Amino acid sequence: VFSGLSDQVLRDYVEGLAGEDSEGGVRLKYPPAWEARIYETGGVADRYIWRNLDKVPCPVLVIRGENTYVLFDRVIKKMVGKLPKGKGYTMKGTGHLVTLEAPEETSEVVKGFLRKYLN
């Protein structure tokens, strides 16, 4: 999962999630139940999201990494097909953590999408 991250991005990621506890060990900055809930109801598994995609009136860009092990191309196609104004985009050479692996390219893709709908 993390092999596509630069050392600095990985360091920032870990520092954002974990900190030192009072005994000199490491602790999550968020309650373990919060982290577990993300995996239980994450976007692809969340039935509420799937049931309501067709009600989203605004344009939506769904970005996936080419080499992700979670958000497969068929899932993106299904998701985009349910969104009235959905567009799917696959970032070449990236994995699951697209925005962390290729932040500049992700930014350009998002800006291009926004320009299309704001102009």
N, C-alpha and C. Protein backbone atom coordinates (compact mmCIF):
# COMPACT_ATOMS: atom_id res chain seq x y z
N VAL A 1 0.82 -1.19 0.00
CA VAL A 1 0.00 0.00 0.00
C VAL A 1 0.86 1.25 0.00
N PHE A 2 1.91 1.27 0.78
CA PHE A 2 2.69 2.49 0.96
C PHE A 2 3.92 2.57 0.08
N SER A 3 4.17 1.58 -0.74
CA SER A 3 5.41 1.55 -1.53
C SER A 3 5.51 2.68 -2.54
N GLY A 4 4.39 3.27 -2.94
CA GLY A 4 4.42 4.37 -3.91
C GLY A 4 4.63 5.73 -3.28
N LEU A 5 4.74 5.80 -1.96
CA LEU A 5 4.89 7.08 -1.28
C LEU A 5 6.35 7.45 -1.13
N SER A 6 6.63 8.74 -1.24
CA SER A 6 7.98 9.21 -0.96
C SER A 6 8.20 9.10 0.55
N ASP A 7 9.46 9.13 0.96
CA ASP A 7 9.76 9.03 2.39
C ASP A 7 9.09 10.15 3.18
N GLN A 8 9.12 11.37 2.63
CA GLN A 8 8.53 12.51 3.33
C GLN A 8 7.02 12.38 3.45
N VAL A 9 6.36 11.95 2.39
CA VAL A 9 4.90 11.78 2.44
C VAL A 9 4.53 10.69 3.44
N LEU A 10 5.27 9.59 3.44
CA LEU A 10 5.00 8.52 4.40
C LEU A 10 5.21 9.02 5.83
N ARG A 11 6.27 9.79 6.04
CA ARG A 11 6.54 10.35 7.38
C ARG A 11 5.37 11.24 7.81
N ASP A 12 4.93 12.13 6.92
CA ASP A 12 3.80 13.02 7.23
C ASP A 12 2.53 12.22 7.53
N TYR A 13 2.31 11.18 6.75
CA TYR A 13 1.13 10.32 6.92
C TYR A 13 1.13 9.68 8.31
N VAL A 14 2.25 9.10 8.68
CA VAL A 14 2.37 8.43 9.98
C VAL A 14 2.24 9.45 11.11
N GLU A 15 2.87 10.61 10.97
CA GLU A 15 2.77 11.63 12.02
C GLU A 15 1.34 12.15 12.17
N GLY A 16 0.58 12.12 11.08
CA GLY A 16 -0.82 12.55 11.14
C GLY A 16 -1.72 11.53 11.83
N LEU A 17 -1.31 10.27 11.83
CA LEU A 17 -2.13 9.20 12.40
C LEU A 17 -1.72 8.77 13.80
N ALA A 18 -0.45 8.91 14.11
CA ALA A 18 0.06 8.36 15.37
C ALA A 18 0.92 9.38 16.10
N GLY A 19 0.99 9.20 17.40
CA GLY A 19 1.81 10.07 18.22
C GLY A 19 2.37 9.29 19.39
N GLU A 20 3.22 9.94 20.15
CA GLU A 20 3.83 9.28 21.30
C GLU A 20 2.85 9.29 22.47
N ASP A 21 2.80 8.17 23.19
CA ASP A 21 1.94 8.14 24.37
C ASP A 21 2.75 8.52 25.61
N SER A 22 2.11 8.55 26.76
CA SER A 22 2.76 9.00 28.00
C SER A 22 3.87 8.08 28.47
N GLU A 23 3.92 6.86 27.95
CA GLU A 23 4.95 5.91 28.36
C GLU A 23 6.07 5.78 27.32
N GLY A 24 6.09 6.68 26.35
CA GLY A 24 7.12 6.64 25.33
C GLY A 24 6.83 5.70 24.18
N GLY A 25 5.65 5.12 24.19
CA GLY A 25 5.23 4.24 23.09
C GLY A 25 4.51 5.02 22.01
N VAL A 26 3.84 4.31 21.15
CA VAL A 26 3.10 4.94 20.05
C VAL A 26 1.62 4.66 20.23
N ARG A 27 0.80 5.66 19.93
CA ARG A 27 -0.65 5.51 20.01
C ARG A 27 -1.28 6.15 18.78
N LEU A 28 -2.45 5.65 18.39
CA LEU A 28 -3.22 6.28 17.32
C LEU A 28 -3.77 7.60 17.84
N LYS A 29 -3.79 8.61 16.99
CA LYS A 29 -4.37 9.89 17.39
C LYS A 29 -5.89 9.83 17.36
N TYR A 30 -6.43 8.84 16.69
CA TYR A 30 -7.88 8.67 16.59
C TYR A 30 -8.27 7.41 17.35
N PRO A 31 -9.48 7.37 17.89
CA PRO A 31 -9.91 6.16 18.60
C PRO A 31 -9.89 4.95 17.66
N PRO A 32 -9.46 3.79 18.15
CA PRO A 32 -9.45 2.59 17.31
C PRO A 32 -10.82 2.30 16.68
N ALA A 33 -11.90 2.62 17.39
CA ALA A 33 -13.25 2.39 16.85
C ALA A 33 -13.48 3.23 15.59
N TRP A 34 -12.91 4.43 15.57
CA TRP A 34 -13.03 5.30 14.39
C TRP A 34 -12.34 4.65 13.19
N GLU A 35 -11.15 4.19 13.39
CA GLU A 35 -10.39 3.53 12.32
C GLU A 35 -11.11 2.27 11.84
N ALA A 36 -11.62 1.48 12.76
CA ALA A 36 -12.34 0.26 12.40
C ALA A 36 -13.59 0.59 11.59
N ARG A 37 -14.27 1.65 11.96
CA ARG A 37 -15.51 2.05 11.26
C ARG A 37 -15.23 2.42 9.80
N ILE A 38 -14.10 3.01 9.54
CA ILE A 38 -13.72 3.35 8.16
C ILE A 38 -13.69 2.10 7.30
N TYR A 39 -13.13 1.04 7.83
CA TYR A 39 -13.02 -0.20 7.06
C TYR A 39 -14.36 -0.94 6.98
N GLU A 40 -15.20 -0.78 7.99
CA GLU A 40 -16.51 -1.43 7.97
C GLU A 40 -17.46 -0.78 6.98
N THR A 41 -17.37 0.53 6.84
CA THR A 41 -18.35 1.25 6.02
C THR A 41 -17.70 2.08 4.92
N GLY A 42 -16.47 1.80 4.59
CA GLY A 42 -15.77 2.56 3.56
C GLY A 42 -16.58 2.66 2.28
N GLY A 43 -16.35 3.71 1.50
CA GLY A 43 -17.10 4.04 0.31
C GLY A 43 -17.62 2.90 -0.53
N VAL A 44 -16.79 1.95 -0.88
CA VAL A 44 -17.21 0.86 -1.76
C VAL A 44 -18.21 -0.05 -1.06
N ALA A 45 -18.10 -0.20 0.26
CA ALA A 45 -18.98 -1.10 1.00
C ALA A 45 -20.23 -0.40 1.54
N ASP A 46 -20.28 0.91 1.47
CA ASP A 46 -21.36 1.67 2.09
C ASP A 46 -22.63 1.61 1.23
N ARG A 47 -23.61 0.89 1.70
CA ARG A 47 -24.86 0.73 0.93
C ARG A 47 -25.62 2.04 0.79
N TYR A 48 -25.54 2.90 1.80
CA TYR A 48 -26.22 4.20 1.71
C TYR A 48 -25.69 4.99 0.51
N ILE A 49 -24.38 5.00 0.36
CA ILE A 49 -23.78 5.72 -0.77
C ILE A 49 -24.28 5.14 -2.08
N TRP A 50 -24.20 3.83 -2.23
CA TRP A 50 -24.63 3.19 -3.48
C TRP A 50 -26.10 3.45 -3.79
N ARG A 51 -26.95 3.44 -2.77
CA ARG A 51 -28.38 3.67 -2.99
C ARG A 51 -28.69 5.10 -3.42
N ASN A 52 -27.79 6.02 -3.12
CA ASN A 52 -28.08 7.43 -3.36
C ASN A 52 -27.22 8.09 -4.42
N LEU A 53 -26.37 7.35 -5.08
CA LEU A 53 -25.53 7.96 -6.12
C LEU A 53 -26.35 8.65 -7.19
N ASP A 54 -27.47 8.08 -7.55
CA ASP A 54 -28.30 8.66 -8.62
C ASP A 54 -28.98 9.96 -8.21
N LYS A 55 -28.87 10.33 -6.94
CA LYS A 55 -29.48 11.57 -6.44
C LYS A 55 -28.48 12.73 -6.35
N VAL A 56 -27.23 12.49 -6.67
CA VAL A 56 -26.20 13.53 -6.57
C VAL A 56 -26.31 14.42 -7.82
N PRO A 57 -26.73 15.67 -7.66
CA PRO A 57 -26.98 16.52 -8.82
C PRO A 57 -25.75 17.17 -9.43
N CYS A 58 -24.69 17.29 -8.67
CA CYS A 58 -23.51 18.00 -9.17
C CYS A 58 -22.54 17.04 -9.86
N PRO A 59 -21.65 17.59 -10.67
CA PRO A 59 -20.62 16.76 -11.30
C PRO A 59 -19.72 16.12 -10.24
N VAL A 60 -19.35 14.87 -10.46
CA VAL A 60 -18.50 14.13 -9.53
C VAL A 60 -17.39 13.45 -10.31
N LEU A 61 -16.16 13.66 -9.87
CA LEU A 61 -15.00 12.99 -10.46
C LEU A 61 -14.56 11.89 -9.50
N VAL A 62 -14.51 10.67 -9.99
CA VAL A 62 -14.08 9.53 -9.18
C VAL A 62 -12.71 9.11 -9.71
N ILE A 63 -11.69 9.26 -8.87
CA ILE A 63 -10.32 8.95 -9.27
C ILE A 63 -9.89 7.65 -8.62
N ARG A 64 -9.24 6.80 -9.39
CA ARG A 64 -8.69 5.55 -8.85
C ARG A 64 -7.27 5.39 -9.34
N GLY A 65 -6.47 4.69 -8.56
CA GLY A 65 -5.13 4.34 -8.98
C GLY A 65 -5.16 3.11 -9.86
N GLU A 66 -4.36 3.12 -10.88
CA GLU A 66 -4.31 2.01 -11.83
C GLU A 66 -4.03 0.67 -11.14
N ASN A 67 -3.18 0.71 -10.13
CA ASN A 67 -2.75 -0.53 -9.47
C ASN A 67 -3.39 -0.74 -8.09
N THR A 68 -4.53 -0.11 -7.85
CA THR A 68 -5.19 -0.28 -6.56
C THR A 68 -5.72 -1.70 -6.43
N TYR A 69 -5.76 -2.18 -5.22
CA TYR A 69 -6.28 -3.51 -4.93
C TYR A 69 -7.70 -3.42 -4.35
N VAL A 70 -8.26 -2.21 -4.31
CA VAL A 70 -9.57 -2.01 -3.71
C VAL A 70 -10.60 -1.52 -4.73
N LEU A 71 -10.31 -0.44 -5.38
CA LEU A 71 -11.28 0.21 -6.26
C LEU A 71 -11.02 -0.20 -7.71
N PHE A 72 -11.55 -1.35 -8.06
CA PHE A 72 -11.32 -1.91 -9.39
C PHE A 72 -12.04 -1.10 -10.46
N ASP A 73 -11.57 -1.22 -11.69
CA ASP A 73 -12.14 -0.49 -12.82
C ASP A 73 -13.64 -0.76 -12.95
N ARG A 74 -14.05 -1.99 -12.75
CA ARG A 74 -15.48 -2.33 -12.88
C ARG A 74 -16.32 -1.60 -11.83
N VAL A 75 -15.74 -1.35 -10.65
CA VAL A 75 -16.45 -0.64 -9.60
C VAL A 75 -16.62 0.82 -10.00
N ILE A 76 -15.55 1.41 -10.53
CA ILE A 76 -15.62 2.80 -10.99
C ILE A 76 -16.68 2.94 -12.07
N LYS A 77 -16.68 2.04 -13.02
CA LYS A 77 -17.66 2.11 -14.11
C LYS A 77 -19.08 2.02 -13.57
N LYS A 78 -19.30 1.15 -12.61
CA LYS A 78 -20.63 1.01 -12.02
C LYS A 78 -21.00 2.29 -11.26
N MET A 79 -20.06 2.82 -10.50
CA MET A 79 -20.30 4.03 -9.72
C MET A 79 -20.61 5.21 -10.63
N VAL A 80 -19.76 5.41 -11.63
CA VAL A 80 -19.94 6.53 -12.56
C VAL A 80 -21.25 6.37 -13.34
N GLY A 81 -21.61 5.14 -13.65
CA GLY A 81 -22.86 4.89 -14.35
C GLY A 81 -24.09 5.28 -13.54
N LYS A 82 -23.98 5.26 -12.22
CA LYS A 82 -25.10 5.63 -11.36
C LYS A 82 -25.15 7.13 -11.10
N LEU A 83 -24.02 7.81 -11.24
CA LEU A 83 -23.97 9.25 -11.01
C LEU A 83 -24.48 9.99 -12.24
N PRO A 84 -25.46 10.89 -12.08
CA PRO A 84 -25.99 11.62 -13.24
C PRO A 84 -24.92 12.39 -14.01
N LYS A 85 -23.95 12.94 -13.28
CA LYS A 85 -22.88 13.72 -13.92
C LYS A 85 -21.52 13.19 -13.47
N GLY A 86 -21.37 11.88 -13.48
CA GLY A 86 -20.14 11.26 -13.00
C GLY A 86 -19.12 11.06 -14.09
N LYS A 87 -17.86 11.16 -13.69
CA LYS A 87 -16.75 10.88 -14.61
C LYS A 87 -15.71 10.08 -13.83
N GLY A 88 -15.20 9.03 -14.43
CA GLY A 88 -14.16 8.24 -13.81
C GLY A 88 -12.82 8.55 -14.44
N TYR A 89 -11.78 8.49 -13.63
CA TYR A 89 -10.43 8.74 -14.13
C TYR A 89 -9.47 7.78 -13.43
N THR A 90 -8.66 7.10 -14.21
CA THR A 90 -7.65 6.20 -13.65
C THR A 90 -6.28 6.83 -13.79
N MET A 91 -5.60 6.97 -12.65
CA MET A 91 -4.25 7.54 -12.64
C MET A 91 -3.25 6.43 -12.92
N LYS A 92 -2.55 6.55 -14.01
CA LYS A 92 -1.56 5.55 -14.42
C LYS A 92 -0.42 5.48 -13.40
N GLY A 93 0.04 4.27 -13.16
CA GLY A 93 1.22 4.05 -12.33
C GLY A 93 1.05 4.31 -10.85
N THR A 94 -0.19 4.45 -10.40
CA THR A 94 -0.41 4.69 -8.97
C THR A 94 -1.19 3.53 -8.36
N GLY A 95 -1.15 3.46 -7.04
CA GLY A 95 -1.86 2.42 -6.32
C GLY A 95 -3.08 2.98 -5.62
N HIS A 96 -3.35 2.47 -4.43
CA HIS A 96 -4.55 2.84 -3.70
C HIS A 96 -4.50 4.27 -3.15
N LEU A 97 -3.33 4.75 -2.80
CA LEU A 97 -3.20 6.07 -2.17
C LEU A 97 -2.84 7.13 -3.22
N VAL A 98 -3.69 7.27 -4.21
CA VAL A 98 -3.43 8.12 -5.37
C VAL A 98 -3.00 9.53 -5.00
N THR A 99 -3.75 10.17 -4.14
CA THR A 99 -3.46 11.58 -3.83
C THR A 99 -2.13 11.75 -3.10
N LEU A 100 -1.70 10.72 -2.39
CA LEU A 100 -0.41 10.79 -1.71
C LEU A 100 0.74 10.38 -2.63
N GLU A 101 0.46 9.49 -3.57
CA GLU A 101 1.49 9.00 -4.48
C GLU A 101 1.80 10.00 -5.59
N ALA A 102 0.78 10.69 -6.06
CA ALA A 102 0.96 11.62 -7.19
C ALA A 102 0.14 12.88 -6.94
N PRO A 103 0.52 13.67 -5.92
CA PRO A 103 -0.29 14.84 -5.56
C PRO A 103 -0.38 15.90 -6.66
N GLU A 104 0.72 16.15 -7.35
CA GLU A 104 0.69 17.18 -8.39
C GLU A 104 -0.19 16.76 -9.56
N GLU A 105 -0.05 15.52 -10.00
CA GLU A 105 -0.86 15.03 -11.11
C GLU A 105 -2.34 14.98 -10.72
N THR A 106 -2.61 14.55 -9.50
CA THR A 106 -3.99 14.52 -9.01
C THR A 106 -4.58 15.92 -9.03
N SER A 107 -3.80 16.88 -8.57
CA SER A 107 -4.24 18.27 -8.55
C SER A 107 -4.59 18.76 -9.95
N GLU A 108 -3.75 18.43 -10.92
CA GLU A 108 -4.01 18.85 -12.31
C GLU A 108 -5.28 18.21 -12.86
N VAL A 109 -5.49 16.96 -12.56
CA VAL A 109 -6.70 16.26 -13.02
C VAL A 109 -7.95 16.91 -12.41
N VAL A 110 -7.90 17.18 -11.12
CA VAL A 110 -9.04 17.80 -10.44
C VAL A 110 -9.28 19.21 -10.98
N LYS A 111 -8.22 19.99 -11.15
CA LYS A 111 -8.39 21.35 -11.67
C LYS A 111 -8.98 21.33 -13.08
N GLY A 112 -8.54 20.40 -13.91
CA GLY A 112 -9.10 20.27 -15.25
C GLY A 112 -10.58 19.94 -15.21
N PHE A 113 -10.96 19.05 -14.32
CA PHE A 113 -12.37 18.68 -14.15
C PHE A 113 -13.19 19.89 -13.71
N LEU A 114 -12.67 20.63 -12.73
CA LEU A 114 -13.39 21.81 -12.23
C LEU A 114 -13.52 22.88 -13.31
N ARG A 115 -12.44 23.11 -14.06
CA ARG A 115 -12.48 24.10 -15.14
C ARG A 115 -13.60 23.78 -16.13
N LYS A 116 -13.73 22.53 -16.45
CA LYS A 116 -14.75 22.10 -17.42
C LYS A 116 -16.15 22.49 -16.95
N TYR A 117 -16.40 22.37 -15.66
CA TYR A 117 -17.74 22.64 -15.14
C TYR A 117 -17.93 24.06 -14.62
N LEU A 118 -16.86 24.77 -14.36
CA LEU A 118 -16.99 26.13 -13.84
C LEU A 118 -16.94 27.19 -14.94
N ASN A 119 -16.46 26.82 -16.10
CA ASN A 119 -16.36 27.80 -17.20
C ASN A 119 -17.54 27.70 -18.13
